[in-house]
C-alpha atoms as a PDB file:
ATOM      1  CA  MET A   1    -179.137 -73.831-128.157  1.00  0.00           C
ATOM      2  CA  THR A   2    -180.570 -70.489-127.176  1.00  0.00           C
ATOM      3  CA  LYS A   3    -177.663 -69.892-124.797  1.00  0.00           C
ATOM      4  CA  LEU A   4    -175.135 -70.773-127.546  1.00  0.00           C
ATOM      5  CA  ALA A   5    -176.743 -68.369-130.004  1.00  0.00           C
ATOM      6  CA  GLY A   6    -176.751 -65.648-127.365  1.00  0.00           C
ATOM      7  CA  ALA A   7    -173.061 -66.224-126.620  1.00  0.00           C
ATOM      8  CA  LEU A   8    -172.136 -66.058-130.313  1.00  0.00           C
ATOM      9  CA  LEU A   9    -174.125 -62.845-130.717  1.00  0.00           C
ATOM     10  CA  LEU A  10    -172.365 -61.332-127.698  1.00  0.00           C
ATOM     11  CA  ILE A  11    -168.908 -62.254-129.070  1.00  0.00           C
ATOM     12  CA  ALA A  12    -169.757 -60.834-132.511  1.00  0.00           C
ATOM     13  CA  SER A  13    -171.037 -57.548-131.078  1.00  0.00           C
ATOM     14  CA  THR A  14    -167.960 -57.185-128.827  1.00  0.00           C
ATOM     15  CA  ALA A  15    -165.570 -57.791-131.752  1.00  0.00           C
ATOM     16  CA  GLY A  16    -167.454 -55.280-133.884  1.00  0.00           C
ATOM     17  CA  ALA A  17    -167.218 -52.682-131.143  1.00  0.00           C
ATOM     18  CA  GLN A  18    -163.481 -53.313-130.755  1.00  0.00           C
ATOM     19  CA  ASN A  19    -162.948 -52.948-134.520  1.00  0.00           C
ATOM     20  CA  MET A  20    -164.901 -49.706-134.526  1.00  0.00           C
ATOM     21  CA  VAL A  21    -162.825 -48.293-131.680  1.00  0.00           C
ATOM     22  CA  ALA A  22    -159.607 -49.398-133.383  1.00  0.00           C
ATOM     23  CA  THR A  23    -160.692 -47.823-136.654  1.00  0.00           C
ATOM     24  CA  ASP A  24    -161.836 -44.597-134.999  1.00  0.00           C
ATOM     25  CA  GLY A  25    -158.654 -44.481-132.942  1.00  0.00           C
ATOM     26  CA  MET A  26    -156.341 -44.599-135.968  1.00  0.00           C
ATOM     27  CA  PRO A  27    -154.656 -41.221-136.586  1.00  0.00           C
ATOM     28  CA  ARG A  28    -155.827 -39.626-139.811  1.00  0.00           C
ATOM     29  CA  GLU A  29    -153.152 -38.879-142.382  1.00  0.00           C
ATOM     30  CA  ARG A  30    -152.368 -35.183-142.489  1.00  0.00           C
ATOM     31  CA  THR A  31    -152.610 -33.421-145.857  1.00  0.00           C
ATOM     32  CA  PRO A  32    -149.145 -31.924-146.545  1.00  0.00           C
ATOM     33  CA  ARG A  33    -149.076 -28.124-146.464  1.00  0.00           C
ATOM     34  CA  GLU A  34    -146.248 -25.650-146.940  1.00  0.00           C
ATOM     35  CA  VAL A  35    -145.366 -22.036-147.707  1.00  0.00           C
ATOM     36  CA  ASP A  36    -143.261 -21.565-150.845  1.00  0.00           C
ATOM     37  CA  GLY A  37    -141.090 -18.546-151.722  1.00  0.00           C
ATOM     38  CA  ARG A  38    -139.186 -17.927-154.973  1.00  0.00           C
ATOM     39  CA  LEU A  39    -136.743 -15.469-156.500  1.00  0.00           C
ATOM     40  CA  GLY A  40    -135.582 -15.821-160.083  1.00  0.00           C
ATOM     41  CA  MET A  41    -134.138 -14.315-163.246  1.00  0.00           C
ATOM     42  CA  LEU A  42    -135.990 -14.009-166.575  1.00  0.00           C
ATOM     43  CA  ILE A  43    -134.300 -14.371-169.979  1.00  0.00           C
ATOM     44  CA  GLY A  44    -136.245 -14.350-173.228  1.00  0.00           C
ATOM     45  CA  GLY A  45    -138.277 -12.087-175.446  1.00  0.00           C
ATOM     46  CA  SER A  46    -140.961  -9.515-174.653  1.00  0.00           C
ATOM     47  CA  ASP A  47    -143.753  -8.701-177.095  1.00  0.00           C
ATOM     48  CA  VAL A  48    -145.631  -5.369-177.080  1.00  0.00           C
ATOM     49  CA  GLY A  49    -147.280  -4.736-180.421  1.00  0.00           C
ATOM     50  CA  ASP A  50    -144.557  -4.486-183.083  1.00  0.00           C
ATOM     51  CA  ALA A  51    -141.930  -3.765-180.409  1.00  0.00           C
ATOM     52  CA  ASP A  52    -140.503  -7.182-179.705  1.00  0.00           C
ATOM     53  CA  GLY A  53    -136.968  -7.962-178.708  1.00  0.00           C
ATOM     54  CA  PHE A  54    -134.559  -9.633-176.305  1.00  0.00           C
ATOM     55  CA  ALA A  55    -135.493  -9.098-172.670  1.00  0.00           C
ATOM     56  CA  VAL A  56    -134.114  -9.842-169.219  1.00  0.00           C
ATOM     57  CA  GLY A  57    -135.719  -9.298-165.845  1.00  0.00           C
ATOM     58  CA  ILE A  58    -136.350 -10.585-162.340  1.00  0.00           C
ATOM     59  CA  SER A  59    -139.251 -12.463-160.788  1.00  0.00           C
ATOM     60  CA  GLY A  60    -140.616 -13.232-157.351  1.00  0.00           C
ATOM     61  CA  GLY A  61    -143.396 -15.377-155.971  1.00  0.00           C
ATOM     62  CA  LEU A  62    -145.039 -16.465-152.738  1.00  0.00           C
ATOM     63  CA  GLY A  63    -147.395 -19.417-152.525  1.00  0.00           C
ATOM     64  CA  TYR A  64    -149.277 -21.745-150.200  1.00  0.00           C
ATOM     65  CA  ARG A  65    -149.332 -25.430-151.087  1.00  0.00           C
ATOM     66  CA  VAL A  66    -151.911 -28.038-150.060  1.00  0.00           C
ATOM     67  CA  GLY A  67    -151.131 -31.486-151.432  1.00  0.00           C
ATOM     68  CA  ASP A  68    -150.389 -31.138-155.153  1.00  0.00           C
ATOM     69  CA  LEU A  69    -152.009 -27.688-155.547  1.00  0.00           C
ATOM     70  CA  THR A  70    -150.306 -24.348-154.894  1.00  0.00           C
ATOM     71  CA  LEU A  71    -151.960 -20.923-154.967  1.00  0.00           C
ATOM     72  CA  ARG A  72    -149.335 -18.285-155.828  1.00  0.00           C
ATOM     73  CA  GLY A  73    -148.904 -14.521-155.961  1.00  0.00           C
ATOM     74  CA  LEU A  74    -146.452 -13.271-158.619  1.00  0.00           C
ATOM     75  CA  VAL A  75    -144.464 -10.167-159.485  1.00  0.00           C
ATOM     76  CA  ASP A  76    -142.259  -9.750-162.578  1.00  0.00           C
ATOM     77  CA  TYR A  77    -140.106  -6.849-163.772  1.00  0.00           C
ATOM     78  CA  TYR A  78    -138.490  -6.987-167.231  1.00  0.00           C
ATOM     79  CA  ARG A  79    -137.232  -5.043-170.243  1.00  0.00           C
ATOM     80  CA  VAL A  80    -139.518  -4.312-173.208  1.00  0.00           C
ATOM     81  CA  GLY A  81    -138.806  -2.779-176.608  1.00  0.00           C
ATOM     82  CA  ASP A  82    -136.702  -3.293-179.708  1.00  0.00           C
ATOM     83  CA  SER A  83    -133.534  -5.355-179.715  1.00  0.00           C
ATOM     84  CA  ALA A  84    -130.155  -3.657-179.983  1.00  0.00           C
ATOM     85  CA  GLY A  85    -129.179  -2.881-183.564  1.00  0.00           C
ATOM     86  CA  GLU A  86    -132.726  -2.339-184.881  1.00  0.00           C
ATOM     87  CA  MET A  87    -133.648   0.917-186.621  1.00  0.00           C
ATOM     88  CA  SER A  88    -136.339   1.700-184.046  1.00  0.00           C
ATOM     89  CA  ASP A  89    -135.153   2.630-180.576  1.00  0.00           C
ATOM     90  CA  ARG A  90    -138.189   1.998-178.409  1.00  0.00           C
ATOM     91  CA  LYS A  91    -137.199   0.962-174.894  1.00  0.00           C
ATOM     92  CA  GLY A  92    -139.105   0.595-171.667  1.00  0.00           C
ATOM     93  CA  ARG A  93    -139.856  -1.513-168.615  1.00  0.00           C
ATOM     94  CA  GLY A  94    -142.718  -3.894-167.908  1.00  0.00           C
ATOM     95  CA  THR A  95    -144.111  -4.689-164.465  1.00  0.00           C
ATOM     96  CA  ARG A  96    -146.591  -7.536-164.034  1.00  0.00           C
ATOM     97  CA  LEU A  97    -148.585  -8.471-160.945  1.00  0.00           C
ATOM     98  CA  GLY A  98    -150.632 -11.650-160.966  1.00  0.00           C
ATOM     99  CA  GLY A  99    -151.797 -14.870-159.417  1.00  0.00           C
ATOM    100  CA  ALA A 100    -151.591 -18.489-160.532  1.00  0.00           C
ATOM    101  CA  LEU A 101    -152.674 -21.996-159.634  1.00  0.00           C
ATOM    102  CA  ARG A 102    -149.936 -24.619-159.833  1.00  0.00           C
ATOM    103  CA  TYR A 103    -150.387 -28.393-160.058  1.00  0.00           C
ATOM    104  CA  SER A 104    -147.663 -30.949-159.380  1.00  0.00           C
ATOM    105  CA  PHE A 105    -147.710 -33.642-162.085  1.00  0.00           C
ATOM    106  CA  ALA A 106    -145.010 -35.758-160.416  1.00  0.00           C
ATOM    107  CA  ASN A 107    -142.861 -35.395-157.290  1.00  0.00           C
ATOM    108  CA  THR A 108    -140.774 -37.357-154.798  1.00  0.00           C
ATOM    109  CA  GLY A 109    -143.254 -36.769-151.967  1.00  0.00           C
ATOM    110  CA  PHE A 110    -143.155 -34.732-148.772  1.00  0.00           C
ATOM    111  CA  GLU A 111    -141.494 -37.538-146.787  1.00  0.00           C
ATOM    112  CA  SER A 112    -138.439 -37.743-149.052  1.00  0.00           C
ATOM    113  CA  LYS A 113    -135.276 -35.785-148.242  1.00  0.00           C
ATOM    114  CA  MET A 114    -134.734 -35.255-151.965  1.00  0.00           C
ATOM    115  CA  ASN A 115    -137.198 -32.737-153.403  1.00  0.00           C
ATOM    116  CA  VAL A 116    -137.882 -33.150-157.137  1.00  0.00           C
ATOM    117  CA  ASP A 117    -141.114 -31.723-158.509  1.00  0.00           C
ATOM    118  CA  PHE A 118    -142.399 -31.388-162.089  1.00  0.00           C
ATOM    119  CA  TRP A 119    -145.304 -28.927-162.300  1.00  0.00           C
ATOM    120  CA  GLY A 120    -147.554 -26.872-164.564  1.00  0.00           C
ATOM    121  CA  GLU A 121    -149.197 -23.520-163.905  1.00  0.00           C
ATOM    122  CA  LEU A 122    -152.049 -21.347-165.197  1.00  0.00           C
ATOM    123  CA  GLY A 123    -152.545 -17.766-164.115  1.00  0.00           C
ATOM    124  CA  ALA A 124    -153.751 -14.252-164.848  1.00  0.00           C
ATOM    125  CA  GLY A 125    -152.354 -10.830-164.092  1.00  0.00           C
ATOM    126  CA  TYR A 126    -152.100  -7.174-165.014  1.00  0.00           C
ATOM    127  CA  GLU A 127    -149.186  -5.721-166.969  1.00  0.00           C
ATOM    128  CA  HIS A 128    -147.957  -2.106-166.828  1.00  0.00           C
ATOM    129  CA  VAL A 129    -145.545  -0.990-169.561  1.00  0.00           C
ATOM    130  CA  ALA A 130    -143.731   2.358-169.211  1.00  0.00           C
ATOM    131  CA  TRP A 131    -141.786   3.629-172.226  1.00  0.00           C
ATOM    132  CA  ARG A 132    -138.544   5.486-171.594  1.00  0.00           C
ATOM    133  CA  HIS A 133    -139.416   8.506-173.761  1.00  0.00           C
ATOM    134  CA  GLY A 134    -143.042   8.726-172.621  1.00  0.00           C
ATOM    135  CA  GLY A 135    -146.240   6.746-172.716  1.00  0.00           C
ATOM    136  CA  VAL A 136    -147.690   3.853-170.724  1.00  0.00           C
ATOM    137  CA  LEU A 137    -149.706   0.755-171.582  1.00  0.00           C
ATOM    138  CA  ASP A 138    -151.872  -1.122-169.073  1.00  0.00           C
ATOM    139  CA  ARG A 139    -153.483  -4.437-169.984  1.00  0.00           C
ATOM    140  CA  PRO A 140    -154.543  -7.816-168.523  1.00  0.00           C
ATOM    141  CA  SER A 141    -152.584 -10.906-169.473  1.00  0.00           C
ATOM    142  CA  GLY A 142    -152.690 -14.656-169.006  1.00  0.00           C
ATOM    143  CA  GLU A 143    -149.844 -16.963-168.059  1.00  0.00           C
ATOM    144  CA  LEU A 144    -148.871 -20.540-168.916  1.00  0.00           C
ATOM    145  CA  ALA A 145    -145.807 -22.157-167.342  1.00  0.00           C
ATOM    146  CA  PHE A 146    -144.055 -25.502-166.870  1.00  0.00           C
ATOM    147  CA  GLY A 147    -141.137 -26.099-164.566  1.00  0.00           C
ATOM    148  CA  LEU A 148    -138.928 -28.366-162.496  1.00  0.00           C
ATOM    149  CA  ASP A 149    -137.839 -27.990-158.854  1.00  0.00           C
ATOM    150  CA  ILE A 150    -134.722 -29.676-157.463  1.00  0.00           C
ATOM    151  CA  GLY A 151    -133.728 -29.400-153.810  1.00  0.00           C
ATOM    152  CA  ARG A 152    -133.621 -30.946-150.348  1.00  0.00           C
ATOM    153  CA  ARG A 153    -135.886 -31.112-147.304  1.00  0.00           C
ATOM    154  CA  GLY A 154    -134.726 -30.971-143.695  1.00  0.00           C
ATOM    155  CA  GLU A 155    -135.841 -33.092-140.766  1.00  0.00           C
ATOM    156  CA  ALA A 156    -139.423 -32.702-139.546  1.00  0.00           C
ATOM    157  CA  ASN A 157    -140.051 -30.616-136.422  1.00  0.00           C
ATOM    158  CA  ALA A 158    -142.566 -31.417-133.655  1.00  0.00           C
ATOM    159  CA  ARG A 159    -145.455 -30.293-135.876  1.00  0.00           C
ATOM    160  CA  GLY A 160    -144.260 -32.369-138.814  1.00  0.00           C
ATOM    161  CA  ASP A 161    -143.126 -29.325-140.866  1.00  0.00           C
ATOM    162  CA  ARG A 162    -139.917 -29.612-142.890  1.00  0.00           C
ATOM    163  CA  LYS A 163    -137.788 -26.788-144.274  1.00  0.00           C
ATOM    164  CA  LYS A 164    -136.804 -26.961-147.943  1.00  0.00           C
ATOM    165  CA  ILE A 165    -134.387 -25.146-150.223  1.00  0.00           C
ATOM    166  CA  GLY A 166    -133.249 -25.651-153.793  1.00  0.00           C
ATOM    167  CA  TYR A 167    -133.205 -24.471-157.395  1.00  0.00           C
ATOM    168  CA  PHE A 168    -135.885 -24.289-160.063  1.00  0.00           C
ATOM    169  CA  MET A 169    -136.100 -23.778-163.802  1.00  0.00           C
ATOM    170  CA  ALA A 170    -139.210 -22.962-165.811  1.00  0.00           C
ATOM    171  CA  PHE A 171    -140.552 -21.906-169.171  1.00  0.00           C
ATOM    172  CA  ARG A 172    -143.129 -19.104-168.830  1.00  0.00           C
ATOM    173  CA  SER A 173    -145.268 -17.322-171.408  1.00  0.00           C
ATOM    174  CA  PHE A 174    -147.464 -14.236-171.035  1.00  0.00           C
ATOM    175  CA  VAL A 175    -150.350 -13.785-173.488  1.00  0.00           C
ATOM    176  CA  ALA A 176    -152.061 -10.400-173.911  1.00  0.00           C
ATOM    177  CA  GLN A 177    -153.973  -8.347-176.476  1.00  0.00           C
ATOM    178  CA  ALA A 178    -151.671  -6.119-178.504  1.00  0.00           C
ATOM    179  CA  PRO A 179    -152.436  -2.397-178.810  1.00  0.00           C
ATOM    180  CA  GLU A 180    -154.102  -1.418-182.064  1.00  0.00           C
ATOM    181  CA  MET A 181    -151.599   0.006-184.524  1.00  0.00           C
ATOM    182  CA  ALA A 182    -152.695   3.348-185.952  1.00  0.00           C
ATOM    183  CA  GLY A 183    -153.034   3.331-189.728  1.00  0.00           C
ATOM    184  CA  ALA A 184    -152.509  -0.427-190.015  1.00  0.00           C
ATOM    185  CA  THR A 185    -153.981  -1.866-193.212  1.00  0.00           C
ATOM    186  CA  ALA A 186    -154.355  -5.367-194.592  1.00  0.00           C
ATOM    187  CA  THR A 187    -151.102  -6.404-196.220  1.00  0.00           C
ATOM    188  CA  CYS A 188    -148.806  -9.319-196.991  1.00  0.00           C
ATOM    189  CA  SER A 189    -145.505  -8.902-195.153  1.00  0.00           C
ATOM    190  CA  GLY A 190    -144.363 -12.199-196.680  1.00  0.00           C
ATOM    191  CA  PRO A 191    -145.631 -14.818-199.149  1.00  0.00           C
ATOM    192  CA  CYS A 192    -149.335 -15.265-198.362  1.00  0.00           C
ATOM    193  CA  SER A 193    -152.693 -16.274-199.810  1.00  0.00           C
ATOM    194  CA  GLU A 194    -154.649 -13.410-198.214  1.00  0.00           C
ATOM    195  CA  ALA A 195    -153.728  -9.960-196.963  1.00  0.00           C
ATOM    196  CA  THR A 196    -154.532  -9.283-193.281  1.00  0.00           C
ATOM    197  CA  LYS A 197    -153.933  -6.667-190.608  1.00  0.00           C
ATOM    198  CA  PRO A 198    -151.166  -7.371-188.050  1.00  0.00           C
ATOM    199  CA  PRO A 199    -152.342  -9.872-185.401  1.00  0.00           C
ATOM    200  CA  ARG A 200    -153.382  -8.415-182.061  1.00  0.00           C
ATOM    201  CA  THR A 201    -152.013 -11.148-179.818  1.00  0.00           C
ATOM    202  CA  ASP A 202    -148.750 -10.587-177.966  1.00  0.00           C
ATOM    203  CA  VAL A 203    -146.867 -13.585-176.581  1.00  0.00           C
ATOM    204  CA  SER A 204    -143.851 -12.919-174.365  1.00  0.00           C
ATOM    205  CA  MET A 205    -141.757 -15.998-173.597  1.00  0.00           C
ATOM    206  CA  PHE A 206    -139.152 -16.363-170.871  1.00  0.00           C
ATOM    207  CA  PHE A 207    -136.821 -18.961-169.435  1.00  0.00           C
ATOM    208  CA  GLU A 208    -136.779 -18.567-165.647  1.00  0.00           C
ATOM    209  CA  LEU A 209    -134.021 -19.768-163.330  1.00  0.00           C
ATOM    210  CA  GLY A 210    -133.834 -19.194-159.592  1.00  0.00           C
ATOM    211  CA  VAL A 211    -133.983 -20.437-156.005  1.00  0.00           C
ATOM    212  CA  HIS A 212    -136.929 -21.622-153.930  1.00  0.00           C
ATOM    213  CA  TRP A 213    -137.376 -22.126-150.212  1.00  0.00           C
ATOM    214  CA  GLY A 214    -140.105 -22.762-147.695  1.00  0.00           C
ATOM    215  CA  ARG A 215    -141.487 -25.028-144.974  1.00  0.00           C
END
């Protein structure tokens, strides 16, 4: 009886050791990582105080993705000022440098040849506005964006990296504090229940369309 118990104990310990080796020997799944570059065009409206009008521009970005999170550096260059045909003729250019954290809400996965990715993004940056006839405005701004990537991935190399290329479209908004308007008083510029000063929140909104690539 003692010998039988000893044999069973030996078999159990050997099986446990084999399971441990098998478990330890399993290759761990690698967290997908990739570098992401973008170049796009901006179409929308810029808002700087009471100078708000149609705007176009260009955008660029470089990011590093780990799983569903991407840390990105951004640069945007766009028109600011009044729209054509308005009585005022204030025109200038805005340059914005910033950073953002992007999260992928849904995607086809890194193993799929088809690359479809729906994402959202929050960021912060610094905006420099230069008016054509003189004067500059520097201010911090926040960013909120949602977008969709569509593209393809190539075959994996020896390291498991895969090249990608495709198109993207996004809706982006920049939120910043408007400059204080000299001599502004509480008023009703339309039907209202209470007179107030002009709001000091600028919201510039753009539709962005471009190409993305990376590996």
